[in-house]
Amino acid sequence: MTAATDTTAAEEATATVQAAVRLYAVAPGVRLNVRSGPGTQYGVVRTLPEGASVSIRCQRPGTTVSGPYGTTNIWDNIAGGQFVSDAYVYTGADGYVAPRCS
């Protein structure tokens, strides 16, 4: 393989991974707290700005929260140790859209 072939293969692999990552919009006008665990009793680790979108790595049950997209106990893991309530994320479904967190 040449360096050009290696670069092309790496670019194609990156494009495939990026295409597989689905982004979900946070409710309009909301600055969403990101917590260290799946519940309101966990500390806020950061706040997402208005207009943010998130990728959901996995989901798990936690504190029940009411928000723009209903009342749910589903929490979305958006990064290592970072969770947001699914009540504020538009997934187009009332249930799980990603695997359960282990």
Protein backbone atom coordinates (compact mmCIF):
# COMPACT_ATOMS: atom_id res chain seq x y z
CA MET A 1 0.00 0.00 0.00
CA THR A 2 1.10 3.52 -0.65
CA ALA A 3 0.69 6.52 1.64
CA ALA A 4 -2.09 7.80 -0.65
CA THR A 5 -3.94 4.47 -0.39
CA ASP A 6 -3.54 4.47 3.41
CA THR A 7 -4.95 8.02 3.58
CA THR A 8 -7.92 7.14 1.35
CA ALA A 9 -8.73 4.04 3.44
CA ALA A 10 -8.54 6.07 6.65
CA GLU A 11 -10.78 8.79 5.21
CA GLU A 12 -13.35 6.21 4.07
CA ALA A 13 -13.35 4.56 7.51
CA THR A 14 -13.84 7.94 9.21
CA ALA A 15 -16.71 8.81 6.85
CA THR A 16 -18.39 5.46 7.58
CA VAL A 17 -18.18 5.98 11.34
CA GLN A 18 -19.45 9.55 11.06
CA ALA A 19 -22.39 8.40 8.92
CA ALA A 20 -23.29 5.80 11.57
CA VAL A 21 -23.46 8.39 14.37
CA ARG A 22 -26.98 9.76 14.66
CA LEU A 23 -27.55 13.17 16.19
CA TYR A 24 -30.71 14.05 18.12
CA ALA A 25 -31.81 17.65 18.69
CA VAL A 26 -32.22 19.07 22.17
CA ALA A 27 -35.56 20.88 22.66
CA PRO A 28 -35.57 24.39 21.14
CA GLY A 29 -34.72 27.21 23.53
CA VAL A 30 -33.33 24.85 26.18
CA ARG A 31 -29.91 25.01 27.81
CA LEU A 32 -29.72 21.40 29.00
CA ASN A 33 -27.89 20.27 32.12
CA VAL A 34 -25.61 17.28 31.58
CA ARG A 35 -25.30 15.17 34.72
CA SER A 36 -22.75 12.65 35.94
CA GLY A 37 -25.40 9.93 36.24
CA PRO A 38 -28.97 9.08 35.19
CA GLY A 39 -30.88 11.28 37.59
CA THR A 40 -31.45 14.74 38.98
CA GLN A 41 -29.59 13.82 42.16
CA TYR A 42 -26.32 13.60 40.18
CA GLY A 43 -24.13 16.67 39.80
CA VAL A 44 -24.16 18.88 36.72
CA VAL A 45 -20.92 18.40 34.76
CA ARG A 46 -21.71 20.91 32.00
CA THR A 47 -24.60 22.64 30.24
CA LEU A 48 -25.41 22.23 26.56
CA PRO A 49 -26.16 25.48 24.73
CA GLU A 50 -29.45 26.25 22.99
CA GLY A 51 -29.63 24.52 19.60
CA ALA A 52 -27.39 21.63 20.63
CA SER A 53 -27.62 18.11 19.23
CA VAL A 54 -26.38 14.96 20.94
CA SER A 55 -25.40 11.45 19.95
CA ILE A 56 -26.77 8.75 22.24
CA ARG A 57 -24.26 6.03 23.15
CA CYS A 58 -26.69 4.06 25.30
CA GLN A 59 -29.72 4.62 27.54
CA ARG A 60 -30.75 3.58 31.03
CA PRO A 61 -33.57 4.19 33.48
CA GLY A 62 -33.23 6.81 36.19
CA THR A 63 -35.15 9.68 37.77
CA THR A 64 -38.49 10.41 36.09
CA VAL A 65 -38.46 13.85 34.45
CA SER A 66 -41.14 15.87 32.61
CA GLY A 67 -40.02 17.98 29.68
CA PRO A 68 -40.98 19.20 26.22
CA TYR A 69 -41.07 15.64 24.86
CA GLY A 70 -43.11 14.05 27.63
CA THR A 71 -42.50 12.40 30.97
CA THR A 72 -39.92 9.63 31.07
CA ASN A 73 -37.39 7.86 33.24
CA ILE A 74 -35.05 7.25 30.28
CA TRP A 75 -31.64 8.93 30.45
CA ASP A 76 -29.33 9.23 27.46
CA ASN A 77 -25.61 8.63 27.87
CA ILE A 78 -23.97 11.16 25.54
CA ALA A 79 -20.34 10.65 26.61
CA GLY A 80 -18.40 8.90 29.35
CA GLY A 81 -20.14 9.76 32.63
CA GLN A 82 -22.48 12.28 30.97
CA PHE A 83 -26.27 11.87 30.94
CA VAL A 84 -29.25 13.96 29.85
CA SER A 85 -32.94 13.28 30.35
CA ASP A 86 -34.62 11.89 27.25
CA ALA A 87 -37.56 14.22 28.01
CA TYR A 88 -35.47 17.03 26.48
CA VAL A 89 -34.09 15.15 23.45
CA TYR A 90 -36.17 14.65 20.31
CA THR A 91 -35.73 10.99 19.36
CA GLY A 92 -39.07 10.52 17.60
CA ALA A 93 -39.95 7.65 19.94
CA ASP A 94 -41.44 7.20 23.41
CA GLY A 95 -39.09 4.33 24.28
CA TYR A 96 -35.49 3.30 23.92
CA VAL A 97 -33.71 4.19 20.65
CA ALA A 98 -30.25 2.95 21.67
CA PRO A 99 -28.93 -0.07 23.54
CA ARG A 100 -29.27 -0.13 27.32
CA CYS A 101 -26.15 0.95 29.17
CA SER A 102 -24.38 -1.90 30.93
